[in-house]
Amino acid sequence: MTTSDTLHRVEKACAQLHRDGQPVTFTAVANLTGLGRTTLYRSPSLRAVIEENRHRAATNGTLTGLLDEIHTLHTALEAIATRVRNHEEQLRRLATRVG
């Protein structure tokens, strides 16, 4: 299980690598955080943070990068909207049972 402190350390390491103009790699993040590379690879949330930062660095400032980011945000927004609709439906069903 990934703690919020560990996640914050990984995010901070990625930000430092960006600032220093260094590539974001699992090895570099492991060195900065003191975590093992295996830990970074095996944790889905830590791996996602590193891979997102690697992708962002590779496409930073390009039209393709911006389009990818817009697509990612659009997909996330659609997922949130679907969850909201599902929750609203659940609330309607509960209200019908209670009322």
N, C-alpha and C. Protein backbone atom coordinates (compact mmCIF):
# COMPACT_ATOMS: atom_id res chain seq x y z
N MET A 1 0.84 -1.19 0.00
CA MET A 1 0.00 0.00 0.00
C MET A 1 0.88 1.24 0.00
N THR A 2 0.54 2.19 -0.84
CA THR A 2 1.31 3.42 -0.96
C THR A 2 0.76 4.46 -0.01
N THR A 3 1.63 5.04 0.80
CA THR A 3 1.19 6.10 1.69
C THR A 3 1.23 7.43 0.95
N SER A 4 0.50 8.40 1.48
CA SER A 4 0.50 9.72 0.86
C SER A 4 1.89 10.36 0.95
N ASP A 5 2.64 10.04 2.02
CA ASP A 5 4.00 10.56 2.16
C ASP A 5 4.90 10.02 1.05
N THR A 6 4.78 8.73 0.76
CA THR A 6 5.59 8.11 -0.29
C THR A 6 5.23 8.70 -1.65
N LEU A 7 3.94 8.85 -1.90
CA LEU A 7 3.48 9.44 -3.14
C LEU A 7 4.00 10.87 -3.28
N HIS A 8 3.96 11.62 -2.21
CA HIS A 8 4.47 12.99 -2.23
C HIS A 8 5.97 13.02 -2.52
N ARG A 9 6.72 12.10 -1.95
CA ARG A 9 8.17 12.03 -2.20
C ARG A 9 8.46 11.77 -3.67
N VAL A 10 7.67 10.87 -4.27
CA VAL A 10 7.87 10.54 -5.69
C VAL A 10 7.51 11.76 -6.56
N GLU A 11 6.39 12.40 -6.25
CA GLU A 11 6.00 13.60 -7.01
C GLU A 11 7.06 14.70 -6.89
N LYS A 12 7.58 14.89 -5.69
CA LYS A 12 8.62 15.90 -5.44
C LYS A 12 9.89 15.56 -6.23
N ALA A 13 10.26 14.30 -6.26
CA ALA A 13 11.45 13.88 -7.00
C ALA A 13 11.27 14.13 -8.50
N CYS A 14 10.09 13.83 -9.03
CA CYS A 14 9.81 14.09 -10.45
C CYS A 14 9.91 15.57 -10.75
N ALA A 15 9.35 16.39 -9.87
CA ALA A 15 9.40 17.85 -10.06
C ALA A 15 10.84 18.35 -10.03
N GLN A 16 11.64 17.81 -9.13
CA GLN A 16 13.05 18.21 -9.04
C GLN A 16 13.79 17.83 -10.31
N LEU A 17 13.55 16.64 -10.83
CA LEU A 17 14.20 16.21 -12.06
C LEU A 17 13.82 17.12 -13.22
N HIS A 18 12.54 17.50 -13.29
CA HIS A 18 12.10 18.44 -14.34
C HIS A 18 12.85 19.76 -14.21
N ARG A 19 12.87 20.30 -12.98
CA ARG A 19 13.54 21.59 -12.73
C ARG A 19 15.01 21.55 -13.12
N ASP A 20 15.65 20.42 -12.83
CA ASP A 20 17.08 20.28 -13.11
C ASP A 20 17.37 19.89 -14.56
N GLY A 21 16.31 19.72 -15.34
CA GLY A 21 16.50 19.36 -16.74
C GLY A 21 16.96 17.92 -16.93
N GLN A 22 16.71 17.08 -15.94
CA GLN A 22 17.12 15.68 -15.99
C GLN A 22 15.95 14.82 -16.45
N PRO A 23 16.22 13.71 -17.12
CA PRO A 23 15.12 12.82 -17.51
C PRO A 23 14.50 12.15 -16.28
N VAL A 24 13.21 11.97 -16.32
CA VAL A 24 12.51 11.28 -15.25
C VAL A 24 12.57 9.78 -15.55
N THR A 25 13.35 9.08 -14.75
CA THR A 25 13.49 7.63 -14.90
C THR A 25 13.23 6.99 -13.55
N PHE A 26 12.92 5.70 -13.58
CA PHE A 26 12.70 4.99 -12.33
C PHE A 26 13.96 4.99 -11.47
N THR A 27 15.11 4.86 -12.11
CA THR A 27 16.38 4.87 -11.38
C THR A 27 16.62 6.22 -10.72
N ALA A 28 16.38 7.31 -11.46
CA ALA A 28 16.60 8.64 -10.90
C ALA A 28 15.66 8.91 -9.74
N VAL A 29 14.39 8.53 -9.89
CA VAL A 29 13.42 8.73 -8.81
C VAL A 29 13.80 7.87 -7.61
N ALA A 30 14.23 6.64 -7.85
CA ALA A 30 14.65 5.78 -6.74
C ALA A 30 15.82 6.40 -5.99
N ASN A 31 16.77 6.94 -6.73
CA ASN A 31 17.94 7.57 -6.09
C ASN A 31 17.55 8.78 -5.25
N LEU A 32 16.62 9.58 -5.75
CA LEU A 32 16.22 10.79 -5.01
C LEU A 32 15.33 10.48 -3.81
N THR A 33 14.54 9.44 -3.89
CA THR A 33 13.60 9.14 -2.81
C THR A 33 14.12 8.12 -1.81
N GLY A 34 15.12 7.34 -2.22
CA GLY A 34 15.60 6.28 -1.35
C GLY A 34 14.75 5.02 -1.42
N LEU A 35 13.78 5.02 -2.33
CA LEU A 35 12.94 3.84 -2.53
C LEU A 35 13.59 2.92 -3.55
N GLY A 36 13.26 1.66 -3.48
CA GLY A 36 13.79 0.71 -4.44
C GLY A 36 13.04 0.82 -5.77
N ARG A 37 13.74 0.54 -6.86
CA ARG A 37 13.08 0.56 -8.18
C ARG A 37 11.94 -0.45 -8.23
N THR A 38 12.13 -1.58 -7.59
CA THR A 38 11.08 -2.60 -7.57
C THR A 38 9.82 -2.04 -6.92
N THR A 39 9.97 -1.30 -5.85
CA THR A 39 8.83 -0.67 -5.18
C THR A 39 8.12 0.28 -6.12
N LEU A 40 8.89 1.05 -6.86
CA LEU A 40 8.30 2.02 -7.80
C LEU A 40 7.57 1.32 -8.93
N TYR A 41 8.14 0.24 -9.43
CA TYR A 41 7.51 -0.50 -10.52
C TYR A 41 6.25 -1.24 -10.06
N ARG A 42 6.28 -1.80 -8.87
CA ARG A 42 5.18 -2.65 -8.41
C ARG A 42 3.96 -1.87 -7.91
N SER A 43 4.17 -0.64 -7.47
CA SER A 43 3.05 0.16 -6.97
C SER A 43 2.37 0.86 -8.15
N PRO A 44 1.12 0.52 -8.42
CA PRO A 44 0.44 1.15 -9.56
C PRO A 44 0.37 2.68 -9.47
N SER A 45 0.16 3.21 -8.28
CA SER A 45 0.06 4.67 -8.16
C SER A 45 1.41 5.35 -8.35
N LEU A 46 2.47 4.77 -7.79
CA LEU A 46 3.80 5.37 -7.96
C LEU A 46 4.25 5.25 -9.42
N ARG A 47 4.01 4.09 -9.99
CA ARG A 47 4.39 3.87 -11.39
C ARG A 47 3.65 4.86 -12.30
N ALA A 48 2.36 5.09 -12.02
CA ALA A 48 1.57 6.02 -12.83
C ALA A 48 2.12 7.44 -12.74
N VAL A 49 2.52 7.86 -11.55
CA VAL A 49 3.09 9.21 -11.38
C VAL A 49 4.37 9.35 -12.20
N ILE A 50 5.23 8.36 -12.11
CA ILE A 50 6.51 8.43 -12.84
C ILE A 50 6.26 8.39 -14.35
N GLU A 51 5.42 7.49 -14.80
CA GLU A 51 5.16 7.39 -16.23
C GLU A 51 4.49 8.65 -16.77
N GLU A 52 3.59 9.22 -16.01
CA GLU A 52 2.95 10.48 -16.43
C GLU A 52 3.99 11.59 -16.55
N ASN A 53 4.90 11.67 -15.60
CA ASN A 53 5.95 12.69 -15.65
C ASN A 53 6.92 12.44 -16.79
N ARG A 54 7.20 11.19 -17.09
CA ARG A 54 8.06 10.86 -18.23
C ARG A 54 7.40 11.29 -19.53
N HIS A 55 6.11 11.00 -19.65
CA HIS A 55 5.37 11.37 -20.86
C HIS A 55 5.29 12.89 -20.99
N ARG A 56 5.01 13.56 -19.90
CA ARG A 56 4.89 15.02 -19.91
C ARG A 56 6.21 15.66 -20.33
N ALA A 57 7.32 15.13 -19.82
CA ALA A 57 8.63 15.69 -20.18
C ALA A 57 8.92 15.48 -21.65
N ALA A 58 8.51 14.33 -22.17
CA ALA A 58 8.80 14.01 -23.57
C ALA A 58 7.98 14.85 -24.54
N THR A 59 6.78 15.25 -24.13
CA THR A 59 5.89 15.97 -25.04
C THR A 59 5.66 17.42 -24.60
N ASN A 60 6.41 17.88 -23.62
CA ASN A 60 6.23 19.22 -23.09
C ASN A 60 6.35 20.29 -24.18
N GLY A 61 5.30 21.07 -24.30
CA GLY A 61 5.33 22.20 -25.23
C GLY A 61 5.01 21.87 -26.67
N THR A 62 4.76 20.62 -26.98
CA THR A 62 4.45 20.27 -28.35
C THR A 62 2.94 20.22 -28.53
N LEU A 63 2.49 20.42 -29.75
CA LEU A 63 1.07 20.34 -30.04
C LEU A 63 0.54 18.94 -29.73
N THR A 64 1.30 17.93 -30.05
CA THR A 64 0.90 16.56 -29.75
C THR A 64 0.76 16.37 -28.25
N GLY A 65 1.68 16.92 -27.50
CA GLY A 65 1.62 16.82 -26.04
C GLY A 65 0.37 17.49 -25.49
N LEU A 66 0.06 18.66 -26.01
CA LEU A 66 -1.14 19.36 -25.55
C LEU A 66 -2.40 18.60 -25.92
N LEU A 67 -2.44 18.05 -27.13
CA LEU A 67 -3.60 17.27 -27.55
C LEU A 67 -3.75 16.01 -26.70
N ASP A 68 -2.63 15.37 -26.37
CA ASP A 68 -2.68 14.20 -25.50
C ASP A 68 -3.22 14.58 -24.12
N GLU A 69 -2.77 15.70 -23.61
CA GLU A 69 -3.22 16.14 -22.29
C GLU A 69 -4.71 16.47 -22.31
N ILE A 70 -5.17 17.13 -23.37
CA ILE A 70 -6.60 17.44 -23.50
C ILE A 70 -7.41 16.15 -23.57
N HIS A 71 -6.92 15.18 -24.35
CA HIS A 71 -7.61 13.90 -24.46
C HIS A 71 -7.67 13.19 -23.10
N THR A 72 -6.58 13.21 -22.36
CA THR A 72 -6.54 12.58 -21.04
C THR A 72 -7.53 13.26 -20.10
N LEU A 73 -7.56 14.59 -20.12
CA LEU A 73 -8.49 15.32 -19.26
C LEU A 73 -9.93 15.05 -19.67
N HIS A 74 -10.19 14.97 -20.96
CA HIS A 74 -11.54 14.69 -21.45
C HIS A 74 -11.99 13.31 -20.99
N THR A 75 -11.11 12.32 -21.09
CA THR A 75 -11.43 10.97 -20.66
C THR A 75 -11.71 10.93 -19.15
N ALA A 76 -10.89 11.63 -18.39
CA ALA A 76 -11.09 11.68 -16.93
C ALA A 76 -12.41 12.35 -16.60
N LEU A 77 -12.73 13.43 -17.30
CA LEU A 77 -13.99 14.13 -17.07
C LEU A 77 -15.18 13.24 -17.39
N GLU A 78 -15.11 12.49 -18.47
CA GLU A 78 -16.18 11.56 -18.82
C GLU A 78 -16.36 10.50 -17.74
N ALA A 79 -15.26 9.99 -17.21
CA ALA A 79 -15.33 8.98 -16.15
C ALA A 79 -15.99 9.55 -14.90
N ILE A 80 -15.64 10.78 -14.56
CA ILE A 80 -16.24 11.43 -13.39
C ILE A 80 -17.73 11.66 -13.62
N ALA A 81 -18.09 12.11 -14.81
CA ALA A 81 -19.50 12.35 -15.13
C ALA A 81 -20.31 11.05 -15.03
N THR A 82 -19.74 9.96 -15.48
CA THR A 82 -20.42 8.67 -15.39
C THR A 82 -20.63 8.27 -13.93
N ARG A 83 -19.62 8.46 -13.11
CA ARG A 83 -19.75 8.14 -11.68
C ARG A 83 -20.81 9.01 -11.02
N VAL A 84 -20.84 10.30 -11.38
CA VAL A 84 -21.85 11.20 -10.81
C VAL A 84 -23.24 10.73 -11.20
N ARG A 85 -23.42 10.38 -12.48
CA ARG A 85 -24.73 9.89 -12.93
C ARG A 85 -25.13 8.62 -12.17
N ASN A 86 -24.19 7.71 -11.97
CA ASN A 86 -24.47 6.49 -11.22
C ASN A 86 -24.86 6.80 -9.77
N HIS A 87 -24.15 7.72 -9.16
CA HIS A 87 -24.47 8.10 -7.78
C HIS A 87 -25.84 8.78 -7.70
N GLU A 88 -26.14 9.61 -8.67
CA GLU A 88 -27.46 10.25 -8.69
C GLU A 88 -28.57 9.22 -8.81
N GLU A 89 -28.35 8.21 -9.64
CA GLU A 89 -29.34 7.14 -9.81
C GLU A 89 -29.51 6.36 -8.51
N GLN A 90 -28.41 6.08 -7.84
CA GLN A 90 -28.48 5.38 -6.56
C GLN A 90 -29.25 6.20 -5.53
N LEU A 91 -29.00 7.50 -5.50
CA LEU A 91 -29.72 8.38 -4.58
C LEU A 91 -31.21 8.41 -4.88
N ARG A 92 -31.58 8.44 -6.17
CA ARG A 92 -33.00 8.42 -6.55
C ARG A 92 -33.67 7.12 -6.08
N ARG A 93 -32.98 5.99 -6.26
CA ARG A 93 -33.54 4.71 -5.82
C ARG A 93 -33.69 4.67 -4.30
N LEU A 94 -32.68 5.18 -3.59
CA LEU A 94 -32.78 5.21 -2.13
C LEU A 94 -33.90 6.13 -1.66
N ALA A 95 -34.04 7.26 -2.31
CA ALA A 95 -35.10 8.20 -1.95
C ALA A 95 -36.47 7.59 -2.19
N THR A 96 -36.58 6.82 -3.23
CA THR A 96 -37.86 6.15 -3.54
C THR A 96 -38.19 5.11 -2.48
N ARG A 97 -37.20 4.38 -2.02
CA ARG A 97 -37.40 3.37 -0.97
C ARG A 97 -37.81 4.01 0.34
N VAL A 98 -37.15 5.11 0.70
CA VAL A 98 -37.39 5.77 1.98
C VAL A 98 -38.71 6.54 1.94
N GLY A 99 -38.97 7.19 0.81
CA GLY A 99 -40.14 8.06 0.68
C GLY A 99 -41.36 7.31 0.44
